[in-house]
Protein backbone atom coordinates (compact mmCIF):
# COMPACT_ATOMS: atom_id res chain seq x y z
CA UNK A 1 23.08 -39.92 -0.18
CA UNK A 2 23.74 -37.05 2.25
CA UNK A 3 22.34 -37.58 5.74
CA UNK A 4 19.98 -34.94 7.11
CA UNK A 5 22.22 -33.45 9.81
CA UNK A 6 19.32 -31.75 11.59
CA UNK A 7 17.29 -34.94 11.78
CA UNK A 8 20.37 -36.92 12.80
CA UNK A 9 21.01 -34.52 15.69
CA UNK A 10 17.37 -34.48 16.79
CA UNK A 11 17.35 -38.27 16.79
CA UNK A 12 20.29 -38.25 19.19
CA UNK A 13 18.51 -35.70 21.40
CA UNK A 14 15.43 -37.94 21.56
CA UNK A 15 17.58 -40.99 22.27
CA UNK A 16 19.32 -39.28 25.20
CA UNK A 17 15.99 -37.99 26.52
CA UNK A 18 14.51 -41.51 26.51
CA UNK A 19 17.48 -42.84 28.48
CA UNK A 20 17.47 -39.95 30.94
CA UNK A 21 13.71 -40.20 31.41
CA UNK A 22 14.04 -43.90 32.30
CA UNK A 23 16.79 -43.26 34.86
CA UNK A 24 14.86 -40.44 36.50
CA UNK A 25 11.69 -42.55 36.59
CA UNK A 26 13.56 -45.34 38.36
CA UNK A 27 15.03 -42.94 40.92
CA UNK A 28 11.73 -41.14 41.52
CA UNK A 29 10.03 -44.49 42.20
CA UNK A 30 12.63 -45.60 44.75
CA UNK A 31 14.98 -47.79 42.71
CA UNK A 32 18.17 -46.14 44.00
CA UNK A 33 20.37 -49.13 43.17
CA UNK A 34 19.67 -48.60 39.47
CA UNK A 35 20.13 -44.83 39.60
CA UNK A 36 23.70 -43.96 38.66
CA UNK A 37 24.67 -40.29 38.82
CA UNK A 38 27.60 -40.83 36.46
CA UNK A 39 25.30 -42.32 33.84
CA UNK A 40 22.66 -39.63 34.27
CA UNK A 41 25.32 -36.93 34.05
CA UNK A 42 26.56 -38.47 30.79
CA UNK A 43 23.04 -38.25 29.30
CA UNK A 44 22.61 -34.65 30.48
CA UNK A 45 25.95 -33.56 29.04
CA UNK A 46 25.11 -35.32 25.77
CA UNK A 47 21.80 -33.47 25.67
CA UNK A 48 23.54 -30.16 26.16
CA UNK A 49 26.04 -30.92 23.39
CA UNK A 50 23.48 -32.13 20.85
CA UNK A 51 21.20 -29.19 21.70
CA UNK A 52 24.11 -26.80 21.08
CA UNK A 53 24.71 -28.43 17.69
CA UNK A 54 21.00 -28.18 16.87
CA UNK A 55 21.02 -24.49 17.77
CA UNK A 56 23.88 -23.98 15.33
CA UNK A 57 22.01 -25.91 12.62
CA UNK A 58 18.80 -23.94 13.39
CA UNK A 59 16.82 -27.14 13.95
CA UNK A 60 13.10 -26.92 14.55
CA UNK A 61 11.38 -26.49 16.93
CA UNK A 62 14.14 -23.98 17.69
CA UNK A 63 12.64 -22.49 20.86
CA UNK A 64 12.21 -25.97 22.40
CA UNK A 65 15.83 -26.83 21.67
CA UNK A 66 17.08 -23.56 23.20
CA UNK A 67 14.97 -24.29 26.29
CA UNK A 68 16.32 -27.87 26.41
CA UNK A 69 19.93 -26.62 26.30
CA UNK A 70 19.31 -24.22 29.19
CA UNK A 71 17.48 -26.91 31.21
CA UNK A 72 20.24 -29.51 30.67
CA UNK A 73 22.95 -27.06 31.68
CA UNK A 74 21.02 -26.11 34.83
CA UNK A 75 20.27 -29.74 35.70
CA UNK A 76 23.99 -30.57 35.47
CA UNK A 77 24.67 -28.36 38.47
CA UNK A 78 21.61 -29.46 40.46
CA UNK A 79 22.11 -33.19 39.95
CA UNK A 80 24.09 -33.93 43.11
CA UNK A 81 21.25 -32.50 45.25
CA UNK A 82 18.44 -34.23 43.36
CA UNK A 83 15.78 -35.87 45.52
CA UNK A 84 12.82 -38.02 44.43
CA UNK A 85 10.49 -35.04 44.05
CA UNK A 86 13.03 -33.17 41.91
CA UNK A 87 13.68 -36.35 39.91
CA UNK A 88 9.95 -36.60 39.12
CA UNK A 89 9.90 -32.96 37.96
CA UNK A 90 13.00 -33.52 35.82
CA UNK A 91 11.49 -36.70 34.37
CA UNK A 92 8.34 -34.80 33.42
CA UNK A 93 10.43 -32.06 31.79
CA UNK A 94 12.50 -34.63 29.86
CA UNK A 95 9.21 -36.17 28.66
CA UNK A 96 7.98 -32.72 27.58
CA UNK A 97 11.13 -32.19 25.50
CA UNK A 98 10.98 -35.71 24.02
CA UNK A 99 7.34 -35.32 23.00
CA UNK A 100 8.11 -31.98 21.35
CA UNK A 101 11.09 -33.35 19.40
CA UNK A 102 10.16 -36.89 18.41
CA UNK A 103 7.53 -35.64 15.97
CA UNK A 104 10.39 -34.37 13.82
CA UNK A 105 11.52 -37.99 13.37
CA UNK A 106 8.12 -38.93 11.97
CA UNK A 107 8.35 -36.41 9.14
CA UNK A 108 10.68 -38.69 7.14
CA UNK A 109 10.02 -42.31 6.14
CA UNK A 110 10.99 -44.58 9.05
CA UNK A 111 12.41 -41.54 10.84
CA UNK A 112 15.76 -42.28 9.25
CA UNK A 113 18.05 -39.25 8.77
CA UNK A 114 19.54 -40.62 5.52
CA UNK A 115 16.24 -41.13 3.71
CA UNK A 116 15.13 -38.26 1.55
C-alpha cells in the first residue's frame, strides 16, 4: 500500500506545530526554564522544510502552507529577540496554522497516511 505523501507531510507539519505551540505557550506564561531556543529553532526549521515539501507536492490548503513557510522562515530570524508578547503572538499564529491543517488528517480513516 502506497502512503499518501501529502497527508504524511501535513501530519508532520501538524506535529511540529503542536510542539512549537506548547513551547511558545510555556515561554509566554513565564516558564523560561522550560523554554529552549535550540528546541524551538529545531521545530521552526522542521516546519519550514515540511512546508517546502508540501508546496512541491501541491498540498491543500496550498495558500495556508505557503503562508506557513514564509512565517516560519521569518520567525527563524526573529527568535533570538522574542519576548513574552511576541511569543504569545507566535503561539496564536502556530495555532491558526495547526487548526487550518489538522482537518486534512480527519479526511482519512484514523488520519493515517497509509490508509486509502
